[in-house]
Amino acid sequence: MTTVLLTLGRLPKALDLARGFHAAGARVLIAEPMQRHLTGASNTVAASFVTRPPATDHAGYIEDLLAIIEREKVDLVCPVSEESMHVGFLHGRLPTGTRLAAPPGETLVGLHSKLGFIETAKRIGAAIPDSARADTPEAAAIAGSGGHVVKPILSCGGRDIRIRDAGPLEAPSPADLVQRFVGGPHLSSFTLARGGRSLVTAIYQGTLMSGTVAVRFAQVQDPAIEAWIAHFIAATGYEGFLSFDFILDGDRPLAIECNPRVTSGIHFVEPAPLAHALLDPASLSPIPLRPERERQQFYAVLTEVQSRFWRRGGGRAARDLFATPDVSWSPADPLPFLTMTYTAWPIIQAARQTGLSFGEIATRDIDWNG
């Protein structure tokens, strides 16, 4: 039996991967800095192991993963979320016969960096908003010409984004990126790339937001975005999980960020065929999408519905709460959904104590901060 190690378990996208690999006949293990987590409650998981947190102990985290991989005779290591940038540095250190379902760390970090992604997009002629590092004359020109966005070059989850009107930059930092503001709709994508093309691409749009993070999302069809992604993959030769955030400038998609990892778009992909493709590195077969057009994270949506119930649109949000399929619920594997408050309690408690959002707390110990 093939043994797969997922390098995170706390997020619903890890649960999708675990269920897919289990359905494909694999033994599923989880490596996690947290003692308890969402996917650990799943009947598809054989065992979970605690690691040191990569954001504060990158070297220790890699050592912990290698120890698990060797002891458990892992065949495939599959990163899940922001920890992917750390996991990519397993390349060149894995035992013979163990594969990593991700590019090398240098490739991942280069695209995770908003500046690195912008430079790559410019090099291959992929459409993006005018962008430049904040301490450059180009950035000053962007800021002076109209509305603009200032954001950290290394960040995730929409943290510390500042939207400004035209004018001089305040204390421009080399750690920030300045980007022309585009006021169109925001869409996201998730792709598994291999052999110079997409095996599956899901394009989706947030229909209910918690801060800057979508907690309910709907599939959309956009051939222009699919063409943008196809061009990027063909021009860069990228292989692995690849996700983008787009702003529509009229009918023209402009990519504003790259996330070289799994995002919520995985919830629109059939889990077992995705797992089969990851288990077979030679497979070029297309992977189907799920039939559901809209999905949600029930408990996060419940929190939003409660906070906005008496506001405009609150009644519809409440009705949709019980009509939209949840990303974690499965009659064949009910415990992750039913025990979510318990398994996520350390994150909930830390969010209440610090005033930070659930999303910030859920990723602050696994982020790549350079």
Protein backbone atom coordinates (compact mmCIF):
# COMPACT_ATOMS: atom_id res chain seq x y z
CA MET A 1 0.00 0.00 0.00
CA THR A 2 1.25 3.48 -0.90
CA THR A 3 1.84 5.75 2.09
CA VAL A 4 1.09 9.48 1.67
CA LEU A 5 2.14 12.19 4.12
CA LEU A 6 0.10 15.42 4.13
CA THR A 7 2.08 18.22 5.76
CA LEU A 8 -0.92 19.99 7.30
CA GLY A 9 -4.24 18.86 8.73
CA ARG A 10 -5.99 21.89 10.20
CA LEU A 11 -7.68 23.19 7.03
CA PRO A 12 -10.57 21.72 5.00
CA LYS A 13 -8.40 21.42 1.89
CA ALA A 14 -6.26 18.88 3.76
CA LEU A 15 -9.42 16.91 4.49
CA ASP A 16 -10.28 16.84 0.76
CA LEU A 17 -6.81 15.49 -0.02
CA ALA A 18 -6.97 12.89 2.76
CA ARG A 19 -10.34 11.60 1.59
CA GLY A 20 -9.15 11.50 -2.01
CA PHE A 21 -5.97 9.57 -1.23
CA HIS A 22 -7.89 7.15 1.00
CA ALA A 23 -10.42 6.53 -1.78
CA ALA A 24 -7.49 5.88 -4.13
CA GLY A 25 -6.25 3.14 -1.80
CA ALA A 26 -3.42 4.97 -0.03
CA ARG A 27 -2.47 5.01 3.66
CA VAL A 28 -2.79 8.63 4.77
CA LEU A 29 -0.62 10.27 7.44
CA ILE A 30 -0.66 13.87 8.70
CA ALA A 31 2.26 15.99 9.95
CA GLU A 32 1.07 19.04 11.92
CA PRO A 33 2.48 21.54 14.42
CA MET A 34 -0.89 21.43 16.26
CA GLN A 35 -1.74 18.64 18.68
CA ARG A 36 -5.29 18.31 17.32
CA HIS A 37 -6.72 19.35 14.00
CA LEU A 38 -9.66 18.97 11.61
CA THR A 39 -8.30 16.19 9.40
CA GLY A 40 -7.04 14.17 12.36
CA ALA A 41 -10.69 13.38 13.19
CA SER A 42 -11.23 11.76 9.79
CA ASN A 43 -11.64 8.00 9.45
CA THR A 44 -9.49 8.25 6.31
CA VAL A 45 -6.34 9.10 8.33
CA ALA A 46 -4.16 6.32 9.74
CA ALA A 47 -2.06 8.52 12.07
CA SER A 48 -1.04 12.10 12.87
CA PHE A 49 2.35 13.36 14.04
CA VAL A 50 3.29 16.65 15.72
CA THR A 51 6.11 18.73 14.24
CA ARG A 52 7.87 21.91 15.24
CA PRO A 53 6.29 25.01 13.63
CA PRO A 54 8.09 25.94 10.38
CA ALA A 55 7.61 29.71 10.72
CA THR A 56 9.78 29.79 13.85
CA ASP A 57 11.94 26.69 13.34
CA HIS A 58 12.36 25.92 9.66
CA ALA A 59 15.34 23.59 10.17
CA GLY A 60 13.62 21.72 13.01
CA TYR A 61 10.47 21.34 10.93
CA ILE A 62 12.41 19.80 8.04
CA GLU A 63 14.16 17.43 10.48
CA ASP A 64 10.80 16.37 11.92
CA LEU A 65 9.37 15.69 8.46
CA LEU A 66 12.41 13.66 7.42
CA ALA A 67 12.16 11.56 10.59
CA ILE A 68 8.49 10.79 9.90
CA ILE A 69 9.19 10.04 6.23
CA GLU A 70 11.97 7.58 7.05
CA ARG A 71 10.24 5.92 10.01
CA GLU A 72 6.88 5.50 8.24
CA LYS A 73 8.38 4.65 4.84
CA VAL A 74 6.47 7.43 3.10
CA ASP A 75 6.12 7.16 -0.68
CA LEU A 76 4.61 10.58 -1.42
CA VAL A 77 4.83 13.87 0.48
CA CYS A 78 2.00 16.26 -0.39
CA PRO A 79 2.06 19.83 0.96
CA VAL A 80 -1.26 21.54 1.56
CA SER A 81 -1.13 25.25 2.31
CA GLU A 82 1.30 28.00 3.37
CA GLU A 83 3.70 25.41 4.76
CA SER A 84 4.40 24.40 1.13
CA MET A 85 7.21 26.95 0.88
CA HIS A 86 9.03 25.19 3.71
CA VAL A 87 8.23 21.67 2.50
CA GLY A 88 9.71 22.45 -0.93
CA PHE A 89 13.16 22.45 0.68
CA LEU A 90 12.87 18.68 1.15
CA HIS A 91 14.04 18.40 -2.46
CA GLY A 92 17.42 16.69 -2.55
CA ARG A 93 17.01 15.32 0.98
CA LEU A 94 14.34 12.67 0.54
CA PRO A 95 15.04 8.92 0.76
CA THR A 96 15.26 6.99 -2.49
CA GLY A 97 11.76 6.17 -3.69
CA THR A 98 10.02 9.07 -1.91
CA ARG A 99 8.47 11.74 -4.13
CA LEU A 100 7.44 15.28 -3.30
CA ALA A 101 4.27 16.63 -4.95
CA ALA A 102 5.73 20.12 -5.26
CA PRO A 103 8.53 21.99 -7.04
CA PRO A 104 11.76 22.91 -5.21
CA GLY A 105 11.55 25.47 -2.43
CA GLU A 106 13.34 28.13 -4.46
CA THR A 107 10.65 27.91 -7.17
CA LEU A 108 7.82 28.08 -4.66
CA VAL A 109 9.30 31.00 -2.73
CA GLY A 110 10.01 32.85 -5.98
CA LEU A 111 6.31 32.78 -6.92
CA HIS A 112 4.99 33.23 -3.38
CA SER A 113 6.91 36.51 -3.31
CA LYS A 114 4.61 39.07 -4.86
CA LEU A 115 7.62 40.82 -6.37
CA GLY A 116 9.04 37.55 -7.71
CA PHE A 117 5.71 36.70 -9.30
CA ILE A 118 5.41 40.15 -10.88
CA GLU A 119 8.89 39.83 -12.36
CA THR A 120 8.04 36.38 -13.77
CA ALA A 121 4.77 37.65 -15.25
CA LYS A 122 6.54 40.59 -16.90
CA ARG A 123 9.18 38.28 -18.34
CA ILE A 124 6.66 35.99 -20.04
CA GLY A 125 4.24 38.74 -21.09
CA ALA A 126 1.37 37.72 -18.78
CA ALA A 127 -1.14 40.50 -18.06
CA ILE A 128 -0.84 42.13 -14.61
CA PRO A 129 -1.60 45.59 -13.19
CA ASP A 130 1.30 48.07 -13.21
CA SER A 131 3.40 47.02 -10.22
CA ALA A 132 6.75 47.88 -8.63
CA ARG A 133 8.66 47.60 -5.37
CA ALA A 134 7.60 50.46 -3.13
CA ASP A 135 11.01 52.18 -2.85
CA THR A 136 11.45 52.65 -6.61
CA PRO A 137 10.65 55.54 -8.95
CA GLU A 138 8.25 53.24 -10.82
CA ALA A 139 6.21 52.77 -7.63
CA ALA A 140 6.12 56.51 -7.01
CA ALA A 141 4.81 57.01 -10.55
CA ILE A 142 2.07 54.39 -10.04
CA ALA A 143 1.02 55.99 -6.76
CA GLY A 144 0.98 59.48 -8.23
CA SER A 145 -1.09 58.53 -11.26
CA GLY A 146 -4.17 57.17 -9.49
CA GLY A 147 -5.61 54.76 -6.96
CA HIS A 148 -3.13 52.13 -5.86
CA VAL A 149 -2.63 49.21 -3.50
CA VAL A 150 0.28 48.84 -1.08
CA LYS A 151 0.90 45.35 0.30
CA PRO A 152 3.74 43.29 1.79
CA ILE A 153 5.86 41.37 -0.71
CA LEU A 154 5.76 38.35 1.62
CA SER A 155 2.32 37.77 3.11
CA CYS A 156 -0.80 35.64 2.71
CA GLY A 157 -4.51 35.81 3.42
CA GLY A 158 -4.87 39.43 2.34
CA ARG A 159 -2.97 40.74 5.34
CA ASP A 160 -1.97 44.37 5.69
CA ILE A 161 -3.35 45.47 2.31
CA ARG A 162 -3.76 49.25 2.05
CA ILE A 163 -5.79 50.90 -0.71
CA ARG A 164 -4.79 54.51 -1.33
CA ASP A 165 -5.90 57.40 -3.53
CA ALA A 166 -3.46 59.08 -5.90
CA GLY A 167 -0.63 60.79 -4.07
CA PRO A 168 2.91 60.38 -2.79
CA LEU A 169 3.80 57.17 -0.99
CA GLU A 170 4.14 57.39 2.77
CA ALA A 171 7.45 55.95 4.04
CA PRO A 172 7.92 53.57 1.07
CA SER A 173 9.49 50.31 2.20
CA PRO A 174 11.50 47.79 0.13
CA ALA A 175 9.37 45.11 1.86
CA ASP A 176 6.22 46.41 0.11
CA LEU A 177 4.79 46.23 -3.39
CA VAL A 178 2.79 49.01 -5.02
CA GLN A 179 0.18 48.03 -7.59
CA ARG A 180 -2.28 50.03 -9.68
CA PHE A 181 -5.76 49.71 -8.22
CA VAL A 182 -8.27 47.98 -10.50
CA GLY A 183 -11.88 48.14 -9.35
CA GLY A 184 -13.30 45.10 -11.15
CA PRO A 185 -14.53 41.77 -9.76
CA HIS A 186 -12.08 39.55 -7.87
CA LEU A 187 -11.78 35.90 -9.00
CA SER A 188 -9.47 33.10 -7.90
CA SER A 189 -8.23 29.89 -9.43
CA PHE A 190 -6.76 26.52 -8.48
CA THR A 191 -4.81 24.34 -10.92
CA LEU A 192 -2.80 21.14 -10.99
CA ALA A 193 -0.21 21.66 -13.72
CA ARG A 194 1.76 18.89 -15.41
CA GLY A 195 3.36 18.34 -18.79
CA GLY A 196 3.06 21.99 -19.77
CA ARG A 197 -0.71 22.17 -19.28
CA SER A 198 -3.50 22.13 -16.72
CA LEU A 199 -4.92 18.76 -15.66
CA VAL A 200 -7.69 20.61 -13.83
CA THR A 201 -8.51 24.27 -13.24
CA ALA A 202 -11.27 25.54 -10.97
CA ILE A 203 -12.17 29.24 -11.18
CA TYR A 204 -14.26 30.61 -8.37
CA GLN A 205 -15.51 33.80 -6.76
CA GLY A 206 -16.19 34.58 -3.13
CA THR A 207 -19.92 35.05 -2.46
CA LEU A 208 -19.53 35.64 1.29
CA MET A 209 -16.39 37.09 2.82
CA SER A 210 -14.89 37.04 6.30
CA GLY A 211 -12.58 40.01 6.05
CA THR A 212 -10.53 39.36 2.92
CA VAL A 213 -11.10 35.58 2.96
CA ALA A 214 -14.00 33.89 1.13
CA VAL A 215 -15.97 31.48 3.32
CA ARG A 216 -18.62 30.78 0.67
CA PHE A 217 -17.57 30.55 -2.97
CA ALA A 218 -19.07 29.74 -6.36
CA GLN A 219 -17.62 28.21 -9.51
CA VAL A 220 -17.48 30.49 -12.53
CA GLN A 221 -16.55 29.97 -16.16
CA ASP A 222 -14.00 32.38 -17.61
CA PRO A 223 -12.17 31.30 -20.79
CA ALA A 224 -9.89 34.36 -20.61
CA ILE A 225 -8.61 33.31 -17.18
CA GLU A 226 -8.15 29.72 -18.38
CA ALA A 227 -6.11 31.06 -21.32
CA TRP A 228 -4.02 33.25 -18.96
CA ILE A 229 -3.22 30.22 -16.79
CA ALA A 230 -2.43 28.02 -19.80
CA HIS A 231 0.02 30.65 -21.08
CA PHE A 232 1.71 30.91 -17.68
CA ILE A 233 2.15 27.13 -17.37
CA ALA A 234 3.45 26.72 -20.92
CA ALA A 235 5.85 29.67 -20.60
CA THR A 236 7.29 28.69 -17.20
CA GLY A 237 7.09 24.90 -17.34
CA TYR A 238 5.63 24.92 -13.82
CA GLU A 239 4.44 21.57 -12.43
CA GLY A 240 2.38 21.15 -9.28
CA PHE A 241 -0.34 23.04 -7.44
CA LEU A 242 -0.74 26.58 -8.74
CA SER A 243 -3.31 29.21 -7.76
CA PHE A 244 -3.88 32.84 -8.72
CA ASP A 245 -5.92 35.85 -7.70
CA PHE A 246 -7.30 37.91 -10.58
CA ILE A 247 -8.99 41.28 -10.97
CA LEU A 248 -11.13 41.80 -14.07
CA ASP A 249 -10.33 45.02 -15.92
CA GLY A 250 -13.42 44.98 -18.10
CA ASP A 251 -13.24 41.55 -19.76
CA ARG A 252 -9.47 41.35 -19.35
CA PRO A 253 -8.12 39.32 -16.38
CA LEU A 254 -5.11 40.79 -14.57
CA ALA A 255 -3.31 38.51 -12.13
CA ILE A 256 -2.48 40.28 -8.87
CA GLU A 257 -0.94 37.40 -6.89
CA CYS A 258 0.29 33.83 -7.27
CA ASN A 259 -0.15 31.16 -4.60
CA PRO A 260 1.96 28.12 -5.59
CA ARG A 261 -0.07 25.81 -3.38
CA VAL A 262 -3.56 24.45 -2.75
CA THR A 263 -6.36 27.00 -2.24
CA SER A 264 -10.11 26.74 -1.67
CA GLY A 265 -10.60 25.94 -5.36
CA ILE A 266 -9.72 22.33 -4.51
CA HIS A 267 -13.22 22.02 -3.03
CA PHE A 268 -14.60 22.07 -6.58
CA VAL A 269 -12.34 19.19 -7.74
CA GLU A 270 -13.27 15.51 -7.51
CA PRO A 271 -10.95 14.19 -4.73
CA ALA A 272 -10.27 10.62 -5.89
CA PRO A 273 -9.26 11.47 -9.50
CA LEU A 274 -7.04 14.27 -8.14
CA ALA A 275 -5.40 11.79 -5.77
CA HIS A 276 -4.87 9.24 -8.57
CA ALA A 277 -3.11 11.93 -10.63
CA LEU A 278 -0.85 12.83 -7.70
CA LEU A 279 -0.03 9.16 -7.08
CA ASP A 280 0.84 8.61 -10.75
CA PRO A 281 3.42 11.22 -11.85
CA ALA A 282 3.09 10.09 -15.47
CA SER A 283 -0.66 10.71 -15.65
CA LEU A 284 -1.83 13.43 -18.03
CA SER A 285 -5.53 12.55 -17.85
CA PRO A 286 -7.92 15.45 -17.24
CA ILE A 287 -9.37 15.61 -13.72
CA PRO A 288 -13.11 16.30 -13.41
CA LEU A 289 -14.74 19.02 -11.34
CA ARG A 290 -17.48 18.32 -8.80
CA PRO A 291 -21.08 19.00 -9.88
CA GLU A 292 -21.69 21.49 -7.03
CA ARG A 293 -21.59 25.10 -8.21
CA GLU A 294 -21.33 26.66 -4.74
CA ARG A 295 -19.74 25.48 -1.49
CA GLN A 296 -19.11 26.91 1.96
CA GLN A 297 -17.27 26.59 5.26
CA PHE A 298 -20.31 26.16 7.48
CA TYR A 299 -19.01 27.39 10.84
CA ALA A 300 -17.23 30.40 9.35
CA VAL A 301 -20.38 31.27 7.42
CA LEU A 302 -22.48 30.83 10.58
CA THR A 303 -20.27 33.38 12.36
CA GLU A 304 -20.69 35.85 9.50
CA VAL A 305 -24.46 35.29 9.35
CA GLN A 306 -24.78 35.95 13.08
CA SER A 307 -22.78 39.16 12.83
CA ARG A 308 -24.78 40.56 9.92
CA PHE A 309 -28.23 39.02 10.42
CA TRP A 310 -30.05 42.36 10.89
CA ARG A 311 -28.08 44.09 8.18
CA ARG A 312 -28.96 44.21 4.51
CA GLY A 313 -28.61 40.76 2.95
CA GLY A 314 -28.47 38.99 6.32
CA GLY A 315 -31.72 37.11 5.74
CA ARG A 316 -30.55 35.68 2.44
CA ALA A 317 -27.19 34.70 3.99
CA ALA A 318 -29.06 32.82 6.71
CA ARG A 319 -31.23 30.96 4.18
CA ASP A 320 -28.19 30.03 2.10
CA LEU A 321 -26.45 28.66 5.21
CA PHE A 322 -28.59 25.51 5.12
CA ALA A 323 -28.85 25.25 1.33
CA THR A 324 -25.14 25.34 0.39
CA PRO A 325 -23.00 22.17 0.61
CA ASP A 326 -20.29 22.31 3.27
CA VAL A 327 -16.69 21.57 2.32
CA SER A 328 -16.09 19.29 5.32
CA TRP A 329 -19.35 17.36 5.70
CA SER A 330 -19.49 13.75 4.51
CA PRO A 331 -22.02 11.14 5.74
CA ALA A 332 -19.30 8.51 5.36
CA ASP A 333 -16.84 10.56 7.42
CA PRO A 334 -18.88 12.79 9.77
CA LEU A 335 -16.51 13.43 12.66
CA PRO A 336 -14.39 16.22 11.12
CA PHE A 337 -17.52 18.35 10.71
CA LEU A 338 -19.14 17.37 14.02
CA THR A 339 -15.98 17.90 16.10
CA MET A 340 -14.73 21.02 14.31
CA THR A 341 -15.27 23.35 17.27
CA TYR A 342 -13.19 21.02 19.47
CA THR A 343 -10.38 20.45 16.96
CA ALA A 344 -10.20 24.15 16.04
CA TRP A 345 -10.51 25.42 19.62
CA PRO A 346 -6.80 26.36 19.99
CA ILE A 347 -7.15 28.59 16.92
CA ILE A 348 -10.49 30.04 18.09
CA GLN A 349 -9.11 30.77 21.55
CA ALA A 350 -5.96 32.43 20.21
CA ALA A 351 -8.03 34.58 17.85
CA ARG A 352 -10.21 35.76 20.75
CA GLN A 353 -7.19 36.51 22.93
CA THR A 354 -5.20 38.40 20.30
CA GLY A 355 -7.96 40.08 18.30
CA LEU A 356 -6.50 38.61 15.11
CA SER A 357 -8.70 36.87 12.55
CA PHE A 358 -9.18 33.11 12.48
CA GLY A 359 -7.30 33.01 9.16
CA GLU A 360 -4.29 34.88 10.56
CA ILE A 361 -4.05 32.61 13.59
CA ALA A 362 -4.54 29.47 11.45
CA THR A 363 -1.47 30.25 9.34
CA ARG A 364 0.91 32.35 11.44
CA ASP A 365 2.98 29.33 12.59
CA ILE A 366 3.35 27.95 9.04
CA ASP A 367 3.88 31.11 6.97
CA TRP A 368 6.97 31.71 4.91
CA ASN A 369 8.33 35.08 6.03
CA GLY A 370 11.71 35.00 4.33
